[in-house]
Amino acid sequence: MTITLKIDNFIIEKELKKIIKENNTITLSTLKEILNNVDKNLNFPKKDPKKHSKFVNREYCISDLEDTALDHIKDSAKYIHNLRRKN
């Protein structure tokens, strides 16, 4: 039996190929188990926010502040309190 599987994630594909190479063949139940537990079996590299973030250095003026989406909120604590009570 041949199963064709399309995997768009390179890391998952690489890990699955490694498992198949180690076992030579793979059963359908093993494949299901691997795919269901893919989050537990893989370690995704974490990026350092200091290296991958950008600081926006820009001057602001009063006209920029008047165009904000939440300009109607005068008391933020009261606004959040009321939002929480609605839900």
N, C-alpha and C. Protein backbone atom coordinates (compact mmCIF):
# COMPACT_ATOMS: atom_id res chain seq x y z
N MET A 1 0.84 -1.17 0.00
CA MET A 1 0.00 0.00 0.00
C MET A 1 0.90 1.24 0.00
N THR A 2 0.55 2.21 -0.80
CA THR A 2 1.30 3.45 -0.88
C THR A 2 0.39 4.60 -0.48
N ILE A 3 0.89 5.44 0.39
CA ILE A 3 0.14 6.63 0.82
C ILE A 3 0.95 7.85 0.39
N THR A 4 0.28 8.76 -0.28
CA THR A 4 0.92 10.01 -0.67
C THR A 4 0.46 11.09 0.29
N LEU A 5 1.39 11.77 0.87
CA LEU A 5 1.11 12.77 1.88
C LEU A 5 1.77 14.08 1.49
N LYS A 6 0.99 15.14 1.40
CA LYS A 6 1.55 16.46 1.08
C LYS A 6 1.73 17.24 2.38
N ILE A 7 2.96 17.62 2.65
CA ILE A 7 3.26 18.37 3.87
C ILE A 7 3.90 19.69 3.46
N ASP A 8 3.28 20.79 3.87
CA ASP A 8 3.79 22.11 3.51
C ASP A 8 4.82 22.65 4.49
N ASN A 9 4.92 22.04 5.64
CA ASN A 9 5.85 22.50 6.65
C ASN A 9 7.15 21.70 6.54
N PHE A 10 8.25 22.38 6.22
CA PHE A 10 9.54 21.72 6.00
C PHE A 10 10.01 20.98 7.25
N ILE A 11 9.80 21.55 8.41
CA ILE A 11 10.28 20.94 9.66
C ILE A 11 9.54 19.62 9.92
N ILE A 12 8.22 19.62 9.73
CA ILE A 12 7.43 18.41 9.93
C ILE A 12 7.84 17.35 8.90
N GLU A 13 8.03 17.78 7.67
CA GLU A 13 8.44 16.85 6.61
C GLU A 13 9.78 16.20 6.94
N LYS A 14 10.73 17.01 7.36
CA LYS A 14 12.07 16.52 7.70
C LYS A 14 12.01 15.51 8.85
N GLU A 15 11.21 15.83 9.86
CA GLU A 15 11.10 14.96 11.03
C GLU A 15 10.42 13.64 10.66
N LEU A 16 9.39 13.71 9.83
CA LEU A 16 8.69 12.51 9.40
C LEU A 16 9.60 11.62 8.54
N LYS A 17 10.38 12.22 7.66
CA LYS A 17 11.34 11.45 6.85
C LYS A 17 12.36 10.75 7.74
N LYS A 18 12.80 11.43 8.78
CA LYS A 18 13.78 10.84 9.71
C LYS A 18 13.19 9.61 10.40
N ILE A 19 11.93 9.71 10.83
CA ILE A 19 11.27 8.59 11.52
C ILE A 19 11.08 7.42 10.56
N ILE A 20 10.69 7.72 9.32
CA ILE A 20 10.49 6.66 8.33
C ILE A 20 11.83 5.99 8.01
N LYS A 21 12.88 6.77 7.89
CA LYS A 21 14.21 6.23 7.58
C LYS A 21 14.68 5.32 8.71
N GLU A 22 14.41 5.69 9.96
CA GLU A 22 14.83 4.88 11.10
C GLU A 22 14.08 3.54 11.13
N ASN A 23 12.79 3.57 10.78
CA ASN A 23 11.96 2.37 10.88
C ASN A 23 11.85 1.59 9.56
N ASN A 24 12.37 2.13 8.50
CA ASN A 24 12.29 1.54 7.17
C ASN A 24 10.88 1.58 6.58
N THR A 25 9.90 1.20 7.34
CA THR A 25 8.49 1.30 6.92
C THR A 25 7.72 1.91 8.07
N ILE A 26 6.51 2.29 7.79
CA ILE A 26 5.69 2.90 8.82
C ILE A 26 4.25 2.44 8.64
N THR A 27 3.59 2.10 9.73
CA THR A 27 2.20 1.65 9.65
C THR A 27 1.27 2.85 9.69
N LEU A 28 0.05 2.62 9.28
CA LEU A 28 -0.95 3.70 9.27
C LEU A 28 -1.21 4.20 10.69
N SER A 29 -1.28 3.29 11.64
CA SER A 29 -1.53 3.71 13.03
C SER A 29 -0.37 4.54 13.57
N THR A 30 0.87 4.18 13.20
CA THR A 30 2.03 4.96 13.63
C THR A 30 2.02 6.34 12.99
N LEU A 31 1.65 6.39 11.72
CA LEU A 31 1.56 7.67 11.02
C LEU A 31 0.52 8.57 11.68
N LYS A 32 -0.63 8.02 12.02
CA LYS A 32 -1.67 8.80 12.70
C LYS A 32 -1.15 9.33 14.04
N GLU A 33 -0.46 8.47 14.77
CA GLU A 33 0.07 8.87 16.07
C GLU A 33 1.09 9.99 15.93
N ILE A 34 1.96 9.87 14.94
CA ILE A 34 2.97 10.90 14.71
C ILE A 34 2.32 12.23 14.36
N LEU A 35 1.35 12.20 13.45
CA LEU A 35 0.71 13.43 13.02
C LEU A 35 -0.16 14.05 14.12
N ASN A 36 -0.77 13.23 14.95
CA ASN A 36 -1.57 13.75 16.06
C ASN A 36 -0.71 14.35 17.16
N ASN A 37 0.51 13.87 17.28
CA ASN A 37 1.40 14.36 18.34
C ASN A 37 2.54 15.21 17.79
N VAL A 38 2.33 15.77 16.62
CA VAL A 38 3.41 16.51 15.96
C VAL A 38 3.89 17.69 16.81
N ASP A 39 3.00 18.34 17.54
CA ASP A 39 3.40 19.47 18.38
C ASP A 39 4.31 19.04 19.52
N LYS A 40 4.08 17.85 20.04
CA LYS A 40 4.88 17.37 21.17
C LYS A 40 6.26 16.88 20.73
N ASN A 41 6.31 16.35 19.50
CA ASN A 41 7.56 15.74 19.03
C ASN A 41 8.53 16.72 18.42
N LEU A 42 8.07 17.87 18.02
CA LEU A 42 8.94 18.83 17.32
C LEU A 42 9.33 19.98 18.22
N ASN A 43 10.53 20.42 18.05
CA ASN A 43 11.01 21.60 18.75
C ASN A 43 11.22 22.69 17.73
N PHE A 44 10.37 23.70 17.74
CA PHE A 44 10.51 24.81 16.81
C PHE A 44 11.47 25.83 17.39
N PRO A 45 12.38 26.32 16.58
CA PRO A 45 13.32 27.32 17.09
C PRO A 45 12.60 28.62 17.45
N LYS A 46 12.96 29.18 18.56
CA LYS A 46 12.36 30.43 19.00
C LYS A 46 13.26 31.58 18.60
N LYS A 47 12.64 32.64 18.12
CA LYS A 47 13.41 33.80 17.70
C LYS A 47 13.55 34.78 18.87
N ASP A 48 14.67 35.42 18.92
CA ASP A 48 14.93 36.42 19.95
C ASP A 48 14.24 37.72 19.54
N PRO A 49 13.27 38.20 20.33
CA PRO A 49 12.55 39.41 19.96
C PRO A 49 13.46 40.63 19.79
N LYS A 50 14.57 40.65 20.52
CA LYS A 50 15.48 41.80 20.40
C LYS A 50 16.16 41.84 19.04
N LYS A 51 16.37 40.68 18.44
CA LYS A 51 17.02 40.63 17.13
C LYS A 51 16.02 40.78 15.98
N HIS A 52 14.77 40.38 16.20
CA HIS A 52 13.80 40.33 15.11
C HIS A 52 12.69 41.37 15.20
N SER A 53 12.83 42.31 16.08
CA SER A 53 11.82 43.37 16.17
C SER A 53 12.43 44.69 15.68
N LYS A 54 11.55 45.56 15.30
CA LYS A 54 12.00 46.86 14.79
C LYS A 54 11.39 47.97 15.64
N PHE A 55 12.17 48.96 15.93
CA PHE A 55 11.69 50.12 16.67
C PHE A 55 11.31 51.19 15.66
N VAL A 56 10.09 51.67 15.80
CA VAL A 56 9.62 52.72 14.89
C VAL A 56 9.99 54.06 15.50
N ASN A 57 10.90 54.72 14.88
CA ASN A 57 11.35 56.02 15.36
C ASN A 57 10.68 57.08 14.50
N ARG A 58 9.68 57.71 15.07
CA ARG A 58 8.88 58.66 14.30
C ARG A 58 8.39 59.76 15.23
N GLU A 59 8.33 60.95 14.73
CA GLU A 59 7.79 62.05 15.52
C GLU A 59 6.27 62.08 15.36
N TYR A 60 5.59 62.37 16.44
CA TYR A 60 4.13 62.44 16.42
C TYR A 60 3.68 63.87 16.68
N CYS A 61 2.54 64.18 16.13
CA CYS A 61 1.98 65.49 16.40
C CYS A 61 0.53 65.32 16.86
N ILE A 62 -0.09 66.37 17.30
CA ILE A 62 -1.45 66.33 17.84
C ILE A 62 -2.44 65.78 16.81
N SER A 63 -2.28 66.08 15.55
CA SER A 63 -3.22 65.59 14.54
C SER A 63 -3.17 64.06 14.44
N ASP A 64 -2.00 63.44 14.70
CA ASP A 64 -1.91 61.98 14.70
C ASP A 64 -2.74 61.39 15.84
N LEU A 65 -2.70 62.04 16.99
CA LEU A 65 -3.43 61.54 18.15
C LEU A 65 -4.93 61.68 17.98
N GLU A 66 -5.37 62.64 17.24
CA GLU A 66 -6.80 62.85 17.05
C GLU A 66 -7.40 61.80 16.11
N ASP A 67 -6.59 61.14 15.34
CA ASP A 67 -7.08 60.16 14.38
C ASP A 67 -7.07 58.73 14.91
N THR A 68 -6.90 58.54 16.20
CA THR A 68 -6.84 57.19 16.74
C THR A 68 -8.22 56.56 16.80
N ALA A 69 -8.24 55.22 16.75
CA ALA A 69 -9.50 54.48 16.74
C ALA A 69 -10.20 54.50 18.09
N LEU A 70 -9.46 54.65 19.16
CA LEU A 70 -10.05 54.61 20.50
C LEU A 70 -10.12 56.00 21.14
N ASP A 71 -10.22 56.98 20.32
CA ASP A 71 -10.25 58.37 20.79
C ASP A 71 -11.47 58.67 21.66
N HIS A 72 -12.55 57.90 21.48
CA HIS A 72 -13.79 58.13 22.23
C HIS A 72 -13.68 57.71 23.70
N ILE A 73 -12.63 56.99 24.08
CA ILE A 73 -12.45 56.52 25.45
C ILE A 73 -11.76 57.59 26.27
N LYS A 74 -12.45 58.06 27.28
CA LYS A 74 -11.88 59.10 28.15
C LYS A 74 -11.28 58.48 29.42
N ASP A 75 -11.96 57.46 29.98
CA ASP A 75 -11.49 56.80 31.20
C ASP A 75 -11.28 55.32 30.86
N SER A 76 -10.03 54.91 30.62
CA SER A 76 -9.74 53.56 30.15
C SER A 76 -10.11 52.50 31.20
N ALA A 77 -9.91 52.76 32.48
CA ALA A 77 -10.24 51.79 33.52
C ALA A 77 -11.74 51.53 33.54
N LYS A 78 -12.53 52.58 33.45
CA LYS A 78 -13.99 52.43 33.45
C LYS A 78 -14.45 51.72 32.18
N TYR A 79 -13.83 52.02 31.05
CA TYR A 79 -14.19 51.40 29.78
C TYR A 79 -13.94 49.88 29.83
N ILE A 80 -12.77 49.48 30.35
CA ILE A 80 -12.44 48.05 30.47
C ILE A 80 -13.38 47.38 31.46
N HIS A 81 -13.67 48.04 32.56
CA HIS A 81 -14.58 47.50 33.56
C HIS A 81 -15.95 47.21 32.93
N ASN A 82 -16.44 48.15 32.16
CA ASN A 82 -17.75 47.97 31.51
C ASN A 82 -17.70 46.86 30.45
N LEU A 83 -16.61 46.76 29.72
CA LEU A 83 -16.47 45.67 28.74
C LEU A 83 -16.52 44.31 29.42
N ARG A 84 -15.82 44.17 30.53
CA ARG A 84 -15.80 42.90 31.24
C ARG A 84 -17.17 42.54 31.82
N ARG A 85 -17.91 43.51 32.23
CA ARG A 85 -19.24 43.24 32.79
C ARG A 85 -20.22 42.81 31.71
N LYS A 86 -20.03 43.28 30.48
CA LYS A 86 -20.91 42.88 29.37
C LYS A 86 -20.75 41.39 29.05
N ASN A 87 -19.52 40.89 29.17
CA ASN A 87 -19.26 39.48 28.82
C ASN A 87 -19.40 38.67 30.05
